[in-house]
């Protein structure tokens, strides 16, 4: 998953998801890993809009998008 997080379609998502993976993957439980894997299957442009607050994330991803946004200067809070 770490490699998939760092090898996205757009550099911004490489940095957001890759940084999260480096910091958090080792501490995630099975549910957290499943959720992160599902996020990795989403379109980068959608993910970027969700993280930056330009669009509302699906309910299942909302808490994780909040965590990611907290790591991004100017991200949705």
Protein backbone atom coordinates (compact mmCIF):
# COMPACT_ATOMS: atom_id res chain seq x y z
CA UNK A 1 0.00 0.00 0.00
CA UNK A 2 2.88 2.36 0.70
CA UNK A 3 4.09 2.06 -2.88
CA UNK A 4 0.56 2.63 -4.24
CA UNK A 5 0.23 5.69 -1.99
CA UNK A 6 3.43 7.22 -3.38
CA UNK A 7 2.74 6.33 -7.04
CA UNK A 8 -0.47 8.24 -7.75
CA UNK A 9 -1.60 10.06 -10.88
CA UNK A 10 -0.95 13.54 -9.50
CA UNK A 11 1.99 14.68 -7.39
CA UNK A 12 -0.20 16.35 -4.77
CA UNK A 13 -1.84 13.04 -3.95
CA UNK A 14 1.56 11.30 -3.90
CA UNK A 15 2.59 13.68 -1.16
CA UNK A 16 -0.67 13.54 0.79
CA UNK A 17 -1.27 9.79 0.65
CA UNK A 18 2.40 8.82 0.67
CA UNK A 19 3.13 10.93 3.70
CA UNK A 20 0.14 9.49 5.51
CA UNK A 21 1.20 5.95 4.60
CA UNK A 22 4.73 6.53 5.87
CA UNK A 23 3.48 7.92 9.17
CA UNK A 24 0.40 5.79 9.86
CA UNK A 25 0.34 2.43 8.06
CA UNK A 26 2.25 0.59 10.77
CA UNK A 27 -0.31 1.57 13.40
CA UNK A 28 -3.54 0.92 11.49
CA UNK A 29 -5.80 -1.95 12.47
CA UNK A 30 -7.47 -4.22 9.90
CA UNK A 31 -10.41 -1.83 9.49
CA UNK A 32 -8.10 1.14 8.98
CA UNK A 33 -6.04 -0.77 6.43
CA UNK A 34 -9.19 -1.79 4.54
CA UNK A 35 -10.37 1.80 4.47
CA UNK A 36 -7.01 3.11 3.28
CA UNK A 37 -6.90 0.46 0.57
CA UNK A 38 -10.37 1.53 -0.58
CA UNK A 39 -9.21 5.15 -0.70
CA UNK A 40 -6.25 4.12 -2.86
CA UNK A 41 -8.75 2.82 -5.41
CA UNK A 42 -10.43 6.21 -5.76
CA UNK A 43 -9.74 8.79 -8.46
CA UNK A 44 -7.00 11.28 -7.51
CA UNK A 45 -9.00 14.31 -8.61
CA UNK A 46 -11.90 13.25 -6.40
CA UNK A 47 -9.55 12.59 -3.48
CA UNK A 48 -7.92 15.98 -3.87
CA UNK A 49 -11.30 17.71 -3.90
CA UNK A 50 -12.35 15.82 -0.76
CA UNK A 51 -9.11 16.54 1.11
CA UNK A 52 -9.15 20.23 0.25
CA UNK A 53 -12.84 20.65 1.01
CA UNK A 54 -13.80 21.51 -2.57
CA UNK A 55 -16.26 18.61 -2.53
CA UNK A 56 -17.88 16.50 0.19
CA UNK A 57 -16.34 13.08 0.67
CA UNK A 58 -18.55 10.00 0.83
CA UNK A 59 -19.52 9.30 4.44
CA UNK A 60 -17.33 6.21 4.71
CA UNK A 61 -14.24 8.23 3.75
CA UNK A 62 -15.07 11.45 5.61
CA UNK A 63 -13.11 10.73 8.83
CA UNK A 64 -9.98 9.74 6.90
CA UNK A 65 -10.30 12.75 4.61
CA UNK A 66 -10.42 14.88 7.76
CA UNK A 67 -7.18 13.30 8.98
CA UNK A 68 -5.53 13.86 5.62
CA UNK A 69 -6.78 17.46 5.43
CA UNK A 70 -5.28 18.20 8.84
CA UNK A 71 -1.87 17.39 7.36
CA UNK A 72 -2.28 19.72 4.36
CA UNK A 73 -1.71 23.46 4.67
CA UNK A 74 -5.00 25.06 3.65
CA UNK A 75 -6.86 21.74 3.71
CA UNK A 76 -10.46 21.43 4.89
CA UNK A 77 -10.80 21.35 8.64
